[in-house]
N, C-alpha and C. Protein backbone atom coordinates (compact mmCIF):
# COMPACT_ATOMS: atom_id res chain seq x y z
N MET A 1 0.89 -1.09 -0.13
CA MET A 1 -0.04 -0.11 -0.06
C MET A 1 0.70 1.16 -0.02
N LYS A 2 1.78 1.28 0.83
CA LYS A 2 2.79 2.36 0.71
C LYS A 2 3.26 2.85 -0.38
N ILE A 3 3.82 2.01 -1.11
CA ILE A 3 4.28 1.99 -2.34
C ILE A 3 3.52 2.78 -3.15
N ALA A 4 2.09 2.05 -3.50
CA ALA A 4 1.09 2.87 -4.46
C ALA A 4 1.02 3.85 -3.93
N GLN A 5 0.94 4.39 -2.51
CA GLN A 5 0.35 5.88 -1.99
C GLN A 5 1.71 6.74 -2.66
N LEU A 6 3.13 6.37 -2.48
CA LEU A 6 4.20 6.92 -2.97
C LEU A 6 4.04 7.26 -4.40
N ALA A 7 3.53 6.26 -5.28
CA ALA A 7 3.74 6.51 -6.70
C ALA A 7 2.49 7.55 -7.11
N TYR A 8 1.37 7.62 -6.19
CA TYR A 8 0.52 8.68 -6.52
C TYR A 8 1.10 10.01 -6.07
N LEU A 9 1.53 10.02 -4.82
CA LEU A 9 2.22 11.50 -4.63
C LEU A 9 3.25 11.62 -5.52
N TYR A 10 4.11 10.90 -6.16
CA TYR A 10 5.41 11.21 -7.23
C TYR A 10 4.84 11.54 -8.35
N ASP A 11 3.53 11.05 -8.81
CA ASP A 11 2.69 11.48 -9.92
C ASP A 11 2.52 12.66 -9.81
N PHE A 12 1.97 13.21 -8.69
CA PHE A 12 1.26 14.66 -8.53
C PHE A 12 2.32 15.51 -8.20
N TYR A 13 3.46 15.42 -7.56
CA TYR A 13 4.34 16.36 -7.15
C TYR A 13 5.78 16.19 -7.63
N ALA A 14 6.17 15.17 -8.41
CA ALA A 14 7.26 15.28 -9.28
C ALA A 14 7.91 16.42 -9.77
N PRO A 15 7.15 17.15 -10.08
CA PRO A 15 7.62 18.48 -10.73
C PRO A 15 8.20 19.55 -9.78
N LEU A 16 7.60 19.18 -8.35
CA LEU A 16 8.26 20.18 -7.53
C LEU A 16 9.50 19.65 -6.99
N LEU A 17 9.91 18.43 -7.04
CA LEU A 17 11.26 17.97 -6.60
C LEU A 17 12.43 18.35 -7.44
N THR A 18 13.75 18.20 -6.82
CA THR A 18 14.80 18.66 -7.60
C THR A 18 15.02 17.66 -8.73
N PRO A 19 15.81 18.28 -9.95
CA PRO A 19 16.10 17.21 -10.80
C PRO A 19 16.95 15.53 -10.21
N ARG A 20 17.95 15.92 -9.28
CA ARG A 20 18.30 15.01 -8.81
C ARG A 20 17.37 14.28 -7.79
N GLN A 21 16.54 14.56 -6.80
CA GLN A 21 15.47 13.59 -6.28
C GLN A 21 14.68 12.90 -7.53
N ARG A 22 14.27 13.61 -8.35
CA ARG A 22 13.39 12.50 -9.52
C ARG A 22 14.23 11.59 -10.36
N ASP A 23 15.82 11.82 -10.64
CA ASP A 23 16.53 10.81 -11.14
C ASP A 23 16.67 9.66 -10.21
N VAL A 24 17.15 9.92 -9.10
CA VAL A 24 17.28 8.82 -7.99
C VAL A 24 15.87 8.02 -7.72
N TRP A 25 14.92 8.94 -7.59
CA TRP A 25 13.65 8.64 -7.07
C TRP A 25 13.22 7.06 -8.41
N GLU A 26 13.30 7.76 -9.64
CA GLU A 26 12.66 6.85 -10.77
C GLU A 26 13.55 6.13 -11.14
N LEU A 27 15.22 5.88 -10.75
CA LEU A 27 15.97 4.54 -10.71
C LEU A 27 15.27 3.51 -9.79
N ARG A 28 15.08 4.23 -8.44
CA ARG A 28 14.65 2.99 -7.75
C ARG A 28 13.44 2.79 -7.56
N TYR A 29 12.33 3.50 -8.30
CA TYR A 29 11.12 2.88 -8.10
C TYR A 29 10.53 2.47 -9.49
N ASN A 30 11.26 3.31 -10.58
CA ASN A 30 10.40 2.91 -12.04
C ASN A 30 11.58 1.94 -12.43
N GLU A 31 12.94 1.97 -12.11
CA GLU A 31 13.58 1.16 -12.71
C GLU A 31 13.90 -0.25 -12.09
N ASP A 32 13.63 0.00 -10.69
CA ASP A 32 13.84 -1.02 -9.51
C ASP A 32 15.22 -1.37 -9.44
N LEU A 33 16.16 -0.35 -9.28
CA LEU A 33 17.46 -0.38 -9.11
C LEU A 33 17.78 -0.49 -7.59
N SER A 34 18.42 -1.12 -6.93
CA SER A 34 18.79 -1.31 -5.46
C SER A 34 19.72 0.09 -5.24
N PRO A 35 19.92 0.20 -4.10
CA PRO A 35 20.23 1.77 -3.71
C PRO A 35 22.18 1.25 -3.92
N PRO A 36 22.50 -0.02 -3.74
CA PRO A 36 23.83 -0.08 -4.42
C PRO A 36 24.26 0.42 -5.60
N GLU A 37 23.25 -0.40 -6.36
CA GLU A 37 23.04 -0.23 -8.08
C GLU A 37 23.01 1.59 -8.39
N ILE A 38 22.29 2.10 -7.68
CA ILE A 38 21.98 3.62 -7.87
C ILE A 38 23.31 4.18 -7.57
N ALA A 39 23.81 3.91 -6.44
CA ALA A 39 25.15 4.56 -5.82
C ALA A 39 26.10 4.57 -7.03
N GLY A 40 26.33 3.51 -7.61
CA GLY A 40 27.29 3.06 -8.53
C GLY A 40 26.97 3.69 -9.81
N ARG A 41 25.93 3.63 -10.18
CA ARG A 41 25.45 4.71 -11.41
C ARG A 41 25.37 5.95 -11.35
N GLU A 42 25.03 6.43 -10.04
CA GLU A 42 25.05 8.07 -10.18
C GLU A 42 26.27 8.50 -9.31
N ASN A 43 27.21 7.72 -9.18
CA ASN A 43 28.45 7.97 -8.02
C ASN A 43 28.23 9.10 -6.95
N MET A 44 27.53 8.02 -6.38
CA MET A 44 26.87 8.68 -4.91
C MET A 44 27.27 7.39 -3.79
N SER A 45 27.43 7.48 -2.67
CA SER A 45 27.60 6.53 -1.44
C SER A 45 26.18 5.85 -1.30
N ARG A 46 25.82 4.47 -0.71
CA ARG A 46 24.76 4.14 -0.80
C ARG A 46 24.09 4.73 0.42
N GLN A 47 24.77 5.29 1.71
CA GLN A 47 24.34 6.24 2.48
C GLN A 47 23.64 7.40 1.97
N ALA A 48 24.22 8.01 0.71
CA ALA A 48 23.62 9.08 0.24
C ALA A 48 22.28 9.01 -0.65
N VAL A 49 22.49 7.70 -1.17
CA VAL A 49 21.32 7.44 -2.06
C VAL A 49 20.03 7.16 -0.75
N HIS A 50 20.42 6.42 0.03
CA HIS A 50 19.32 6.14 1.01
C HIS A 50 19.00 7.58 1.70
N ASP A 51 19.67 8.24 2.24
CA ASP A 51 19.10 9.46 2.47
C ASP A 51 18.42 10.47 1.78
N LEU A 52 18.87 10.25 0.79
CA LEU A 52 18.18 11.16 -0.74
C LEU A 52 16.70 10.73 -0.94
N LEU A 53 16.64 9.28 -0.92
CA LEU A 53 15.27 8.66 -1.00
C LEU A 53 14.22 8.85 0.10
N ARG A 54 14.94 9.05 1.55
CA ARG A 54 14.13 9.12 2.69
C ARG A 54 13.64 10.58 2.63
N ARG A 55 14.42 11.70 2.12
CA ARG A 55 14.20 13.13 2.23
C ARG A 55 12.88 13.09 1.18
N THR A 56 13.34 12.56 -0.07
CA THR A 56 12.02 12.98 -1.10
C THR A 56 10.91 12.19 -0.53
N GLU A 57 10.84 11.03 0.15
CA GLU A 57 9.68 10.53 0.42
C GLU A 57 8.97 11.38 1.50
N ARG A 58 9.81 11.99 2.49
CA ARG A 58 9.28 13.02 3.28
C ARG A 58 9.08 14.23 2.60
N ARG A 59 9.19 14.66 1.74
CA ARG A 59 8.91 15.78 0.91
C ARG A 59 7.75 15.87 0.16
N LEU A 60 7.71 14.40 -0.51
CA LEU A 60 6.28 14.07 -1.00
C LEU A 60 5.03 14.31 0.08
N TYR A 61 5.22 13.86 1.18
CA TYR A 61 4.21 13.93 2.00
C TYR A 61 3.97 15.02 2.53
N LEU A 62 4.89 16.02 2.68
CA LEU A 62 4.92 17.19 3.18
C LEU A 62 3.98 18.02 1.85
N TYR A 63 4.33 18.06 0.95
CA TYR A 63 3.49 18.36 -0.50
C TYR A 63 2.05 17.96 -0.05
N GLU A 64 1.81 16.66 -0.01
CA GLU A 64 0.64 16.50 0.03
C GLU A 64 -0.39 17.01 1.46
N GLU A 65 0.58 16.99 2.58
CA GLU A 65 -0.28 17.81 3.52
C GLU A 65 -0.54 19.15 3.30
N GLN A 66 0.53 19.72 2.71
CA GLN A 66 -0.02 21.27 2.42
C GLN A 66 -0.74 21.39 1.36
N LEU A 67 -0.88 20.57 0.28
CA LEU A 67 -1.51 20.88 -0.76
C LEU A 67 -2.77 20.03 -0.95
N GLY A 68 -2.75 18.93 -0.43
CA GLY A 68 -3.78 18.02 -0.58
C GLY A 68 -4.20 17.35 -2.08
N LEU A 69 -3.48 17.64 -3.01
CA LEU A 69 -4.04 17.25 -4.34
C LEU A 69 -4.37 15.81 -4.53
N VAL A 70 -3.47 14.61 -3.99
CA VAL A 70 -3.86 13.42 -3.92
C VAL A 70 -5.23 12.85 -3.30
N THR A 71 -5.28 13.39 -1.95
CA THR A 71 -6.74 13.39 -1.32
C THR A 71 -7.76 14.01 -2.03
N ARG A 72 -7.58 14.90 -2.96
CA ARG A 72 -8.99 15.66 -3.48
C ARG A 72 -9.27 14.61 -4.37
N PHE A 73 -8.21 14.38 -5.36
CA PHE A 73 -8.30 13.55 -6.57
C PHE A 73 -8.79 12.34 -6.27
N THR A 74 -8.63 11.62 -5.18
CA THR A 74 -9.07 10.27 -4.78
C THR A 74 -10.78 10.39 -4.63
N ALA A 75 -11.13 11.61 -3.81
CA ALA A 75 -12.37 11.98 -3.23
C ALA A 75 -12.99 12.16 -4.57
N GLU A 76 -12.68 13.12 -5.46
CA GLU A 76 -13.51 13.26 -6.56
C GLU A 76 -13.69 11.85 -7.56
N LYS A 77 -12.59 11.25 -7.66
CA LYS A 77 -12.77 9.94 -8.53
C LYS A 77 -13.96 8.91 -7.81
N GLU A 78 -13.86 8.90 -6.51
CA GLU A 78 -14.72 8.06 -5.78
C GLU A 78 -16.18 8.50 -6.09
N LYS A 79 -16.48 9.74 -6.00
CA LYS A 79 -17.65 10.59 -6.34
C LYS A 79 -18.17 10.23 -7.85
N LEU A 80 -17.18 10.52 -8.55
CA LEU A 80 -17.63 9.60 -10.09
C LEU A 80 -17.80 8.48 -9.92
N LEU A 81 -16.98 7.78 -9.67
CA LEU A 81 -17.34 6.20 -9.91
C LEU A 81 -18.87 5.74 -8.96
N ALA A 82 -19.24 6.46 -7.96
CA ALA A 82 -20.43 6.36 -7.44
C ALA A 82 -21.66 6.95 -8.32
N LEU A 83 -21.56 7.76 -9.03
CA LEU A 83 -22.16 8.52 -10.13
C LEU A 83 -22.45 7.74 -10.98
N ILE A 84 -21.27 7.28 -11.60
CA ILE A 84 -21.70 6.11 -12.60
C ILE A 84 -22.45 5.07 -12.30
N GLU A 85 -21.84 4.64 -11.07
CA GLU A 85 -22.85 3.50 -10.69
C GLU A 85 -24.27 3.61 -10.69
N LEU A 86 -24.56 4.57 -10.13
CA LEU A 86 -25.87 5.23 -9.93
C LEU A 86 -26.53 5.40 -11.33
N LEU A 87 -25.97 6.10 -12.15
CA LEU A 87 -26.50 6.14 -13.54
C LEU A 87 -26.46 4.68 -14.45
N ALA A 88 -25.87 3.86 -14.01
CA ALA A 88 -25.80 2.64 -14.69
C ALA A 88 -27.17 1.71 -14.18
N GLU A 89 -27.74 2.10 -12.86
CA GLU A 89 -28.71 1.38 -12.50
C GLU A 89 -30.08 1.77 -13.04
N ALA A 90 -30.05 2.75 -13.80
CA ALA A 90 -31.32 3.45 -14.35
C ALA A 90 -31.87 2.43 -15.55
N LYS A 91 -33.01 2.48 -15.84
CA LYS A 91 -33.89 1.89 -17.01
C LYS A 91 -34.36 2.69 -17.93
N ALA A 92 -34.78 2.60 -19.11
CA ALA A 92 -35.44 3.25 -19.82
C ALA A 92 -37.13 3.61 -19.39
N GLU A 93 -37.59 2.44 -18.82
CA GLU A 93 -38.71 2.34 -18.06
C GLU A 93 -39.02 3.16 -17.02
N ASP A 94 -37.80 3.92 -16.38
CA ASP A 94 -37.80 4.23 -14.88
C ASP A 94 -38.26 5.94 -15.62
N PHE A 95 -38.09 6.29 -17.14
CA PHE A 95 -38.36 7.59 -17.40
C PHE A 95 -39.69 7.70 -17.90
N ASN A 96 -40.16 8.97 -17.58
CA ASN A 96 -41.40 9.29 -18.36
C ASN A 96 -41.51 9.56 -19.85
N ALA A 97 -40.56 10.17 -20.32
CA ALA A 97 -40.41 10.48 -21.73
C ALA A 97 -39.05 10.18 -22.19
N GLU A 98 -38.92 9.97 -23.57
CA GLU A 98 -37.50 9.20 -24.18
C GLU A 98 -36.74 10.47 -24.11
N THR A 99 -37.16 11.62 -24.27
CA THR A 99 -36.23 12.83 -24.05
C THR A 99 -35.39 12.70 -22.61
N ALA A 100 -36.07 12.30 -21.45
CA ALA A 100 -35.41 12.14 -20.10
C ALA A 100 -34.39 11.12 -20.17
N TRP A 101 -34.71 10.14 -20.87
CA TRP A 101 -33.89 8.83 -20.72
C TRP A 101 -32.63 9.16 -21.64
N LEU A 102 -33.02 10.00 -22.95
CA LEU A 102 -31.76 10.36 -23.74
C LEU A 102 -30.64 11.36 -22.87
N ARG A 103 -31.43 12.08 -22.09
CA ARG A 103 -30.47 13.21 -21.29
C ARG A 103 -29.91 12.40 -20.12
N HIS A 104 -30.29 11.31 -19.74
CA HIS A 104 -29.97 10.38 -18.79
C HIS A 104 -28.68 9.55 -19.41
N LYS A 105 -28.66 9.33 -20.55
CA LYS A 105 -27.64 8.54 -21.28
C LYS A 105 -26.62 9.51 -21.53
N ARG A 106 -26.90 10.76 -21.99
CA ARG A 106 -25.77 11.65 -22.09
C ARG A 106 -24.96 11.88 -20.88
N ALA A 107 -25.68 12.16 -19.66
CA ALA A 107 -25.15 12.51 -18.63
C ALA A 107 -24.15 11.15 -18.26
N GLN A 108 -24.66 10.24 -18.19
CA GLN A 108 -23.91 8.78 -17.82
C GLN A 108 -22.54 8.78 -19.06
N THR A 109 -22.86 9.14 -19.90
CA THR A 109 -21.57 9.13 -21.01
C THR A 109 -20.45 10.26 -20.48
N SER A 110 -21.17 11.16 -19.98
CA SER A 110 -20.42 12.24 -19.84
C SER A 110 -19.80 12.03 -18.50
N ALA A 111 -20.17 11.40 -17.74
CA ALA A 111 -19.65 11.07 -16.52
C ALA A 111 -18.12 9.82 -16.59
N SER A 112 -18.74 9.14 -17.26
CA SER A 112 -17.58 8.04 -17.89
C SER A 112 -16.66 8.75 -18.57
N ASP A 113 -16.85 9.64 -19.40
CA ASP A 113 -15.48 10.42 -20.15
C ASP A 113 -14.94 11.11 -19.20
N ILE A 114 -15.48 12.08 -18.03
CA ILE A 114 -14.94 12.76 -16.91
C ILE A 114 -13.71 11.66 -16.54
N LEU A 115 -14.55 10.78 -16.31
CA LEU A 115 -13.60 9.66 -15.25
C LEU A 115 -12.61 9.21 -15.92
N ALA A 116 -12.55 8.81 -17.27
CA ALA A 116 -11.71 8.48 -18.21
C ALA A 116 -10.51 9.27 -18.53
N ASP A 117 -10.91 10.42 -18.43
CA ASP A 117 -9.78 11.85 -18.57
C ASP A 117 -9.04 11.86 -17.49
N ILE A 118 -9.40 11.94 -16.36
CA ILE A 118 -8.77 11.92 -15.07
C ILE A 118 -8.22 10.95 -14.65
N LEU A 119 -8.28 9.72 -14.92
CA LEU A 119 -7.28 8.78 -15.02
C LEU A 119 -6.32 8.50 -16.18
N ARG A 120 -6.06 9.12 -17.09
CA ARG A 120 -5.15 9.24 -18.09
C ARG A 120 -4.03 9.72 -17.48
């Protein structure tokens, strides 16, 4: 769970990190290199790699605490999923007029499109 949470935080806040933090983070988590491998590749000590990764992790949590973008994103995504589920439960016979059913179908498509856009 922690790795998934950190991946979300990184996706949102990577532009706020230094290039060195991003490079080492990506080597560790995207390329799955061990700290000793990163140390050799980046001409750093293993301890320096470990310290940089810990500082970067703390920085990501700090950004989330201050900005709350991941929390807001997750809440909005859950609301959209609930809306899509609710819209999917309706049937044509639930509506008195065909135009109301068509508006419902457009709303359902729109909600699905919005969710797909934010998940990209």
